Amino acid sequence: MCILFNACRVAALFCAMGLVSPTHAIAQVQTQDDLPRAPEKKKPDTIDFLHKWVSPTVLSAATSVDVYTTAHNLDHPTVAYREDGTFLTNYYVVEKGWARCFGNRSPFAASFANASLNAGVMVLSDRLYLRGGRWRIAALALVLAKAGANLDGGIQNERFLGSIDQRVRLETGYRGVILWSSRPQKSH
């Protein structure tokens, strides 16, 4: 009886101190609400759609325009002749953008450098996007800004190509038709 009495006193002491409560002594049953849950998949939003589908498409299209016009400009014939076939001048189109450090007359080098930079922009954009929050918008803005720069470069290339004859006329004072060739013609 003494042991039972001592056990009751110890239990009463622990209850008084708050270390044990009657509810702790009863086994608790877990309900479905108490079980851990798998993370819920959020439904795709507009930013997801723009980042995964629209931005790569827009960047690819703008890059294609820039690469095509750059290659077209750099492959432009270099020797200008008068209408009667006499030599007028040599005119070289060179890369004036950032890719000129890879070769200012190489269409392949300029195009490859631009495409490589855009691939790097997409990788950086994906990494920014994974950070979440405002970084998702920054990732989208980065890709769209690069696409805008490429489209602007393509437009500038096309304008420059359209003004080559006018530039040669201003340089030489010749007013007639200009004939272009990549190789010098043999004189008679």
Protein backbone atom coordinates (compact mmCIF):
# COMPACT_ATOMS: atom_id res chain seq x y z
CA MET A 1 0.00 0.00 0.00
CA CYS A 2 2.86 2.26 0.69
CA ILE A 3 4.19 1.81 -2.85
CA LEU A 4 0.78 2.59 -4.33
CA PHE A 5 0.50 5.66 -2.17
CA ASN A 6 3.99 6.84 -3.24
CA ALA A 7 3.12 6.29 -6.93
CA CYS A 8 -0.03 8.36 -6.53
CA ARG A 9 1.94 11.12 -4.86
CA VAL A 10 4.54 11.11 -7.66
CA ALA A 11 1.77 11.22 -10.31
CA ALA A 12 0.05 14.07 -8.47
CA LEU A 13 3.34 15.94 -8.26
CA PHE A 14 3.99 15.57 -11.99
CA CYS A 15 0.43 16.67 -12.79
CA ALA A 16 0.86 19.70 -10.56
CA MET A 17 4.08 20.61 -12.31
CA GLY A 18 2.38 20.23 -15.70
CA LEU A 19 4.71 17.56 -16.98
CA VAL A 20 2.01 14.94 -17.44
CA SER A 21 -1.60 15.47 -18.30
CA PRO A 22 -4.33 12.88 -18.44
CA THR A 23 -4.72 13.40 -22.17
CA HIS A 24 -1.05 12.48 -22.77
CA ALA A 25 -1.58 9.21 -21.09
CA ILE A 26 -4.39 8.26 -23.48
CA ALA A 27 -3.25 7.07 -26.92
CA GLN A 28 -4.29 9.47 -29.64
CA VAL A 29 -5.72 8.23 -32.91
CA GLN A 30 -4.46 9.92 -36.05
CA THR A 31 -7.06 11.14 -38.44
CA GLN A 32 -6.67 11.74 -42.17
CA ASP A 33 -6.16 15.45 -41.45
CA ASP A 34 -3.12 14.71 -39.27
CA LEU A 35 -1.22 12.74 -41.90
CA PRO A 36 1.44 14.56 -43.93
CA ARG A 37 0.32 15.62 -47.38
CA ALA A 38 2.12 15.68 -50.67
CA PRO A 39 2.69 19.18 -51.97
CA GLU A 40 -0.28 20.32 -53.98
CA LYS A 41 0.39 21.12 -57.60
CA LYS A 42 -0.54 24.64 -58.33
CA LYS A 43 -2.46 25.27 -61.46
CA PRO A 44 -0.42 26.91 -64.23
CA ASP A 45 -0.72 30.65 -64.41
CA THR A 46 -0.06 33.19 -67.13
CA ILE A 47 3.59 33.67 -66.19
CA ASP A 48 4.17 29.91 -66.51
CA PHE A 49 2.64 29.88 -69.98
CA LEU A 50 4.60 32.93 -71.09
CA HIS A 51 7.88 31.57 -69.77
CA LYS A 52 7.56 28.00 -71.02
CA TRP A 53 5.94 28.58 -74.41
CA VAL A 54 5.83 32.19 -75.55
CA SER A 55 9.26 33.50 -74.58
CA PRO A 56 11.30 30.70 -76.23
CA THR A 57 9.19 31.02 -79.38
CA VAL A 58 9.59 34.79 -79.54
CA LEU A 59 13.33 34.57 -78.84
CA SER A 60 13.78 31.90 -81.52
CA ALA A 61 11.88 33.94 -84.10
CA ALA A 62 13.79 37.14 -83.30
CA THR A 63 17.10 35.26 -83.36
CA SER A 64 16.22 33.78 -86.75
CA VAL A 65 15.50 37.25 -88.15
CA ASP A 66 18.77 38.62 -86.78
CA VAL A 67 20.86 35.65 -87.92
CA TYR A 68 19.34 35.67 -91.41
CA THR A 69 19.82 39.39 -91.97
CA THR A 70 23.34 39.33 -90.52
CA ALA A 71 24.35 36.48 -92.82
CA HIS A 72 22.65 38.17 -95.77
CA ASN A 73 24.54 41.42 -95.11
CA LEU A 74 27.93 39.81 -94.58
CA ASP A 75 27.52 37.72 -97.75
CA HIS A 76 26.76 40.82 -99.81
CA PRO A 77 28.98 41.11 -102.91
CA THR A 78 31.96 43.37 -102.40
CA VAL A 79 32.76 44.77 -105.85
CA ALA A 80 30.56 47.45 -107.42
CA TYR A 81 30.55 48.10 -111.18
CA ARG A 82 29.00 50.76 -113.33
CA GLU A 83 26.28 49.88 -115.75
CA ASP A 84 28.80 49.53 -118.57
CA GLY A 85 30.86 47.02 -116.54
CA THR A 86 33.72 49.30 -115.46
CA PHE A 87 34.96 49.09 -111.91
CA LEU A 88 33.32 51.51 -109.49
CA THR A 89 34.49 50.60 -105.96
CA ASN A 90 34.97 47.89 -103.38
CA TYR A 91 32.45 47.97 -100.56
CA TYR A 92 32.70 45.63 -97.57
CA VAL A 93 29.89 45.09 -95.11
CA VAL A 94 31.25 44.27 -91.66
CA GLU A 95 29.63 43.16 -88.43
CA LYS A 96 29.10 46.19 -86.22
CA GLY A 97 27.46 44.50 -83.23
CA TRP A 98 29.04 42.86 -80.21
CA ALA A 99 29.85 39.69 -82.23
CA ARG A 100 32.50 41.49 -84.30
CA CYS A 101 35.14 40.24 -81.85
CA PHE A 102 34.60 36.76 -83.38
CA GLY A 103 35.19 38.01 -86.91
CA ASN A 104 33.77 41.09 -88.53
CA ARG A 105 33.28 39.46 -91.96
CA SER A 106 32.32 35.93 -90.93
CA PRO A 107 28.58 35.24 -91.15
CA PHE A 108 29.03 31.88 -89.39
CA ALA A 109 30.97 33.34 -86.45
CA ALA A 110 28.52 36.21 -85.93
CA SER A 111 25.49 33.92 -86.21
CA PHE A 112 26.97 31.26 -83.94
CA ALA A 113 27.96 33.84 -81.32
CA ASN A 114 24.47 35.31 -81.31
CA ALA A 115 22.75 31.92 -81.10
CA SER A 116 25.12 30.85 -78.29
CA LEU A 117 24.39 34.01 -76.33
CA ASN A 118 20.68 33.39 -76.68
CA ALA A 119 21.06 29.81 -75.44
CA GLY A 120 22.87 31.20 -72.40
CA VAL A 121 20.10 33.74 -71.86
CA MET A 122 17.55 30.91 -71.86
CA VAL A 123 19.57 28.93 -69.28
CA LEU A 124 19.90 32.01 -67.06
CA SER A 125 16.20 32.71 -67.48
CA ASP A 126 15.30 29.18 -66.41
CA ARG A 127 17.47 29.49 -63.30
CA LEU A 128 15.93 32.82 -62.39
CA TYR A 129 12.46 31.40 -62.96
CA LEU A 130 13.07 28.53 -60.56
CA ARG A 131 13.77 31.01 -57.76
CA GLY A 132 10.07 31.92 -57.85
CA GLY A 133 8.35 35.11 -56.84
CA ARG A 134 9.46 38.26 -58.61
CA TRP A 135 12.33 36.37 -60.21
CA ARG A 136 9.82 34.72 -62.53
CA ILE A 137 8.92 38.10 -63.94
CA ALA A 138 12.60 39.04 -64.21
CA ALA A 139 13.28 35.81 -66.12
CA LEU A 140 10.48 36.55 -68.56
CA ALA A 141 11.61 40.16 -68.96
CA LEU A 142 15.19 39.05 -69.66
CA VAL A 143 14.14 36.76 -72.51
CA LEU A 144 11.75 39.30 -74.01
CA ALA A 145 14.36 42.07 -73.79
CA LYS A 146 16.91 39.88 -75.61
CA ALA A 147 14.29 39.02 -78.23
CA GLY A 148 13.60 42.74 -78.69
CA ALA A 149 17.31 43.44 -79.11
CA ASN A 150 17.60 40.67 -81.73
CA LEU A 151 14.56 41.95 -83.62
CA ASP A 152 15.97 45.48 -83.55
CA GLY A 153 19.30 44.15 -84.84
CA GLY A 154 17.52 42.37 -87.68
CA ILE A 155 15.64 45.55 -88.63
CA GLN A 156 18.86 47.57 -88.55
CA ASN A 157 20.58 44.97 -90.74
CA GLU A 158 17.78 45.12 -93.29
CA ARG A 159 17.84 48.93 -93.37
CA PHE A 160 21.59 48.90 -93.84
CA LEU A 161 21.34 46.40 -96.68
CA GLY A 162 18.74 48.57 -98.41
CA SER A 163 20.99 51.62 -98.17
CA ILE A 164 24.20 50.10 -99.59
CA ASP A 165 23.59 51.36 -103.15
CA GLN A 166 22.85 54.84 -101.81
CA ARG A 167 26.05 54.79 -99.73
CA VAL A 168 28.13 53.79 -102.76
CA ARG A 169 26.52 56.57 -104.80
CA LEU A 170 27.35 59.10 -102.09
CA GLU A 171 30.96 57.87 -101.88
CA THR A 172 31.61 57.80 -105.61
CA GLY A 173 29.25 60.41 -107.01
CA TYR A 174 27.97 57.84 -109.55
CA ARG A 175 24.24 58.19 -110.32
CA GLY A 176 23.54 55.16 -112.52
CA VAL A 177 22.74 51.52 -111.92
CA ILE A 178 25.18 49.66 -109.70
CA LEU A 179 26.04 46.05 -110.54
CA TRP A 180 27.49 43.86 -107.79
CA SER A 181 29.88 40.96 -107.97
CA SER A 182 31.84 38.96 -105.44
CA ARG A 183 34.81 38.61 -107.79
CA PRO A 184 36.53 41.24 -109.91
CA GLN A 185 35.66 40.96 -113.58
CA LYS A 186 38.39 40.43 -116.15
CA SER A 187 39.09 43.48 -118.26
CA HIS A 188 38.84 43.11 -122.05
